[in-house]
């Protein structure tokens, strides 16, 4: 069964948020490598921990998007912007 418009938008929003987290995490890893090269091991480790937490959140959001797709999660009504 195809998704209704509110659920299509919800799925799109979840996937978009996941993509933002993914690329933010990638950027944090780049900065962490720079800190490590500059000798700031603690700062680099802190950024890597944050980047890994972004990856975990990304995975959750993608899982929720899949649940929307198969109908386990749905939006009751279209939200106003």
N, C-alpha and C. Protein backbone atom coordinates (compact mmCIF):
# COMPACT_ATOMS: atom_id res chain seq x y z
N UNK A 1 0.84 -1.18 0.00
CA UNK A 1 0.00 0.00 0.00
C UNK A 1 0.89 1.24 0.00
N UNK A 2 0.63 2.18 -0.94
CA UNK A 2 1.46 3.39 -0.98
C UNK A 2 1.23 4.28 0.23
N UNK A 3 2.25 5.07 0.55
CA UNK A 3 2.16 5.97 1.69
C UNK A 3 1.31 7.20 1.34
N UNK A 4 0.55 7.67 2.34
CA UNK A 4 -0.18 8.92 2.14
C UNK A 4 0.81 10.08 2.24
N UNK A 5 0.35 11.28 1.85
CA UNK A 5 1.26 12.43 1.81
C UNK A 5 1.92 12.73 3.15
N UNK A 6 1.17 12.76 4.27
CA UNK A 6 1.84 13.04 5.55
C UNK A 6 2.94 12.02 5.88
N UNK A 7 2.70 10.76 5.58
CA UNK A 7 3.71 9.74 5.87
C UNK A 7 4.89 9.81 4.90
N UNK A 8 4.62 10.17 3.65
CA UNK A 8 5.72 10.38 2.71
C UNK A 8 6.63 11.50 3.21
N UNK A 9 6.01 12.59 3.69
CA UNK A 9 6.78 13.72 4.19
C UNK A 9 7.56 13.34 5.44
N UNK A 10 6.92 12.58 6.34
CA UNK A 10 7.60 12.12 7.55
C UNK A 10 8.82 11.29 7.19
N UNK A 11 8.65 10.37 6.27
CA UNK A 11 9.78 9.52 5.86
C UNK A 11 10.89 10.36 5.24
N UNK A 12 10.52 11.30 4.39
CA UNK A 12 11.51 12.19 3.77
C UNK A 12 12.25 13.00 4.84
N UNK A 13 11.50 13.53 5.81
CA UNK A 13 12.12 14.32 6.88
C UNK A 13 13.09 13.50 7.71
N UNK A 14 12.72 12.26 8.01
CA UNK A 14 13.60 11.39 8.79
C UNK A 14 14.88 11.08 8.02
N UNK A 15 14.74 10.79 6.73
CA UNK A 15 15.91 10.49 5.92
C UNK A 15 16.80 11.72 5.76
N UNK A 16 16.19 12.90 5.64
CA UNK A 16 16.97 14.13 5.52
C UNK A 16 17.75 14.40 6.81
N UNK A 17 17.09 14.21 7.95
CA UNK A 17 17.77 14.42 9.23
C UNK A 17 18.93 13.43 9.39
N UNK A 18 18.71 12.19 8.97
CA UNK A 18 19.77 11.18 9.03
C UNK A 18 20.95 11.58 8.16
N UNK A 19 20.67 12.11 6.96
CA UNK A 19 21.75 12.53 6.07
C UNK A 19 22.54 13.69 6.67
N UNK A 20 21.84 14.63 7.30
CA UNK A 20 22.53 15.75 7.94
C UNK A 20 23.44 15.26 9.06
N UNK A 21 22.96 14.30 9.84
CA UNK A 21 23.80 13.74 10.89
C UNK A 21 25.02 13.03 10.31
N UNK A 22 24.79 12.31 9.22
CA UNK A 22 25.90 11.58 8.60
C UNK A 22 27.01 12.55 8.18
N UNK A 23 26.65 13.61 7.45
CA UNK A 23 27.66 14.51 6.94
C UNK A 23 28.26 15.37 8.05
N UNK A 24 27.50 15.66 9.07
CA UNK A 24 28.06 16.37 10.22
C UNK A 24 29.09 15.50 10.92
N UNK A 25 28.78 14.21 11.03
CA UNK A 25 29.73 13.28 11.63
C UNK A 25 31.01 13.16 10.82
N UNK A 26 30.87 13.15 9.50
CA UNK A 26 32.04 13.10 8.63
C UNK A 26 32.91 14.34 8.85
N UNK A 27 32.25 15.51 8.91
CA UNK A 27 33.00 16.75 9.17
C UNK A 27 33.71 16.71 10.51
N UNK A 28 33.04 16.18 11.53
CA UNK A 28 33.66 16.09 12.85
C UNK A 28 34.89 15.18 12.82
N UNK A 29 34.81 14.07 12.08
CA UNK A 29 35.97 13.19 11.97
C UNK A 29 37.15 13.91 11.30
N UNK A 30 36.85 14.73 10.29
CA UNK A 30 37.91 15.49 9.62
C UNK A 30 38.57 16.44 10.62
N UNK A 31 37.77 17.15 11.39
CA UNK A 31 38.32 18.06 12.39
C UNK A 31 39.08 17.30 13.48
N UNK A 32 38.58 16.12 13.83
CA UNK A 32 39.26 15.30 14.84
C UNK A 32 40.65 14.90 14.33
N UNK A 33 40.75 14.54 13.06
CA UNK A 33 42.05 14.18 12.50
C UNK A 33 43.01 15.36 12.54
N UNK A 34 42.47 16.56 12.27
CA UNK A 34 43.32 17.75 12.32
C UNK A 34 43.81 18.02 13.75
N UNK A 35 42.90 17.85 14.71
CA UNK A 35 43.30 18.04 16.11
C UNK A 35 44.36 17.02 16.51
N UNK A 36 44.17 15.79 16.07
CA UNK A 36 45.13 14.74 16.39
C UNK A 36 46.50 15.07 15.79
N UNK A 37 46.49 15.57 14.55
CA UNK A 37 47.75 15.95 13.90
C UNK A 37 48.41 17.12 14.61
N UNK A 38 47.59 17.97 15.23
CA UNK A 38 48.12 19.12 15.96
C UNK A 38 48.52 18.75 17.39
N UNK A 39 48.32 17.49 17.76
CA UNK A 39 48.74 17.04 19.08
C UNK A 39 47.67 17.12 20.15
N UNK A 40 46.44 17.46 19.79
CA UNK A 40 45.35 17.55 20.77
C UNK A 40 44.56 16.24 20.77
N UNK A 41 45.13 15.24 21.42
CA UNK A 41 44.51 13.92 21.43
C UNK A 41 43.16 13.93 22.15
N UNK A 42 43.08 14.64 23.27
CA UNK A 42 41.83 14.68 24.03
C UNK A 42 40.71 15.33 23.21
N UNK A 43 41.02 16.45 22.57
CA UNK A 43 40.02 17.12 21.73
C UNK A 43 39.58 16.23 20.57
N UNK A 44 40.53 15.53 19.98
CA UNK A 44 40.21 14.62 18.88
C UNK A 44 39.30 13.49 19.36
N UNK A 45 39.61 12.93 20.51
CA UNK A 45 38.78 11.85 21.06
C UNK A 45 37.37 12.33 21.37
N UNK A 46 37.26 13.55 21.90
CA UNK A 46 35.95 14.11 22.21
C UNK A 46 35.11 14.27 20.94
N UNK A 47 35.73 14.79 19.88
CA UNK A 47 35.00 14.95 18.63
C UNK A 47 34.61 13.60 18.02
N UNK A 48 35.48 12.61 18.14
CA UNK A 48 35.16 11.29 17.61
C UNK A 48 33.97 10.66 18.36
N UNK A 49 33.92 10.88 19.66
CA UNK A 49 32.78 10.37 20.43
C UNK A 49 31.48 11.01 19.96
N UNK A 50 31.52 12.31 19.73
CA UNK A 50 30.33 13.01 19.24
C UNK A 50 29.94 12.48 17.86
N UNK A 51 30.92 12.31 16.98
CA UNK A 51 30.65 11.80 15.63
C UNK A 51 30.03 10.40 15.69
N UNK A 52 30.52 9.57 16.59
CA UNK A 52 29.95 8.23 16.72
C UNK A 52 28.52 8.28 17.24
N UNK A 53 28.23 9.22 18.13
CA UNK A 53 26.85 9.35 18.62
C UNK A 53 25.94 9.84 17.49
N UNK A 54 26.47 10.67 16.59
CA UNK A 54 25.70 11.10 15.42
C UNK A 54 25.37 9.89 14.55
N UNK A 55 26.35 8.99 14.40
CA UNK A 55 26.14 7.80 13.57
C UNK A 55 25.05 6.92 14.17
N UNK A 56 25.04 6.77 15.49
CA UNK A 56 24.01 5.97 16.14
C UNK A 56 22.63 6.59 15.94
N UNK A 57 22.55 7.93 16.07
CA UNK A 57 21.28 8.61 15.86
C UNK A 57 20.83 8.49 14.40
N UNK A 58 21.78 8.57 13.49
CA UNK A 58 21.48 8.40 12.06
C UNK A 58 20.85 7.04 11.81
N UNK A 59 21.45 6.01 12.38
CA UNK A 59 20.93 4.65 12.21
C UNK A 59 19.50 4.53 12.75
N UNK A 60 19.24 5.15 13.89
CA UNK A 60 17.89 5.13 14.47
C UNK A 60 16.89 5.81 13.54
N UNK A 61 17.26 6.99 13.03
CA UNK A 61 16.35 7.72 12.15
C UNK A 61 16.06 6.94 10.87
N UNK A 62 17.08 6.29 10.32
CA UNK A 62 16.86 5.48 9.12
C UNK A 62 15.96 4.29 9.44
N UNK A 63 16.11 3.74 10.63
CA UNK A 63 15.21 2.65 11.06
C UNK A 63 13.78 3.14 11.18
N UNK A 64 13.60 4.34 11.74
CA UNK A 64 12.25 4.90 11.85
C UNK A 64 11.67 5.16 10.46
N UNK A 65 12.50 5.64 9.54
CA UNK A 65 12.02 5.88 8.17
C UNK A 65 11.55 4.58 7.53
N UNK A 66 12.27 3.50 7.80
CA UNK A 66 11.86 2.19 7.27
C UNK A 66 10.54 1.74 7.91
N UNK A 67 10.37 2.02 9.20
CA UNK A 67 9.11 1.67 9.86
C UNK A 67 7.94 2.47 9.29
N UNK A 68 8.19 3.72 8.91
CA UNK A 68 7.15 4.51 8.25
C UNK A 68 6.80 3.86 6.92
N UNK A 69 7.82 3.44 6.18
CA UNK A 69 7.61 2.83 4.87
C UNK A 69 6.74 1.58 4.95
N UNK A 70 6.97 0.76 5.98
CA UNK A 70 6.20 -0.49 6.07
C UNK A 70 4.91 -0.33 6.87
N UNK A 71 4.67 0.88 7.38
CA UNK A 71 3.40 1.15 8.04
C UNK A 71 3.36 0.98 9.54
N UNK A 72 4.49 0.73 10.18
CA UNK A 72 4.51 0.59 11.64
C UNK A 72 4.45 1.93 12.36
N UNK A 73 4.91 2.98 11.70
CA UNK A 73 4.84 4.34 12.23
C UNK A 73 4.10 5.18 11.21
N UNK A 74 3.18 6.01 11.69
CA UNK A 74 2.48 6.89 10.75
C UNK A 74 2.19 8.23 11.40
N UNK A 75 2.02 9.22 10.57
CA UNK A 75 1.66 10.56 11.03
C UNK A 75 0.14 10.66 10.94
N UNK A 76 -0.47 11.10 12.02
CA UNK A 76 -1.92 11.14 12.08
C UNK A 76 -2.48 12.21 11.15
N UNK A 77 -1.85 13.36 11.08
CA UNK A 77 -2.35 14.43 10.21
C UNK A 77 -1.18 15.24 9.70
N UNK A 78 -1.39 15.88 8.58
CA UNK A 78 -0.32 16.71 8.01
C UNK A 78 -0.07 17.90 8.92
N UNK A 79 1.21 18.16 9.20
CA UNK A 79 1.56 19.28 10.07
C UNK A 79 1.74 20.53 9.24
N UNK A 80 1.34 21.64 9.82
CA UNK A 80 1.48 22.93 9.14
C UNK A 80 2.91 23.42 9.25
N UNK A 81 3.35 24.15 8.25
CA UNK A 81 4.70 24.70 8.26
C UNK A 81 4.69 26.14 8.65
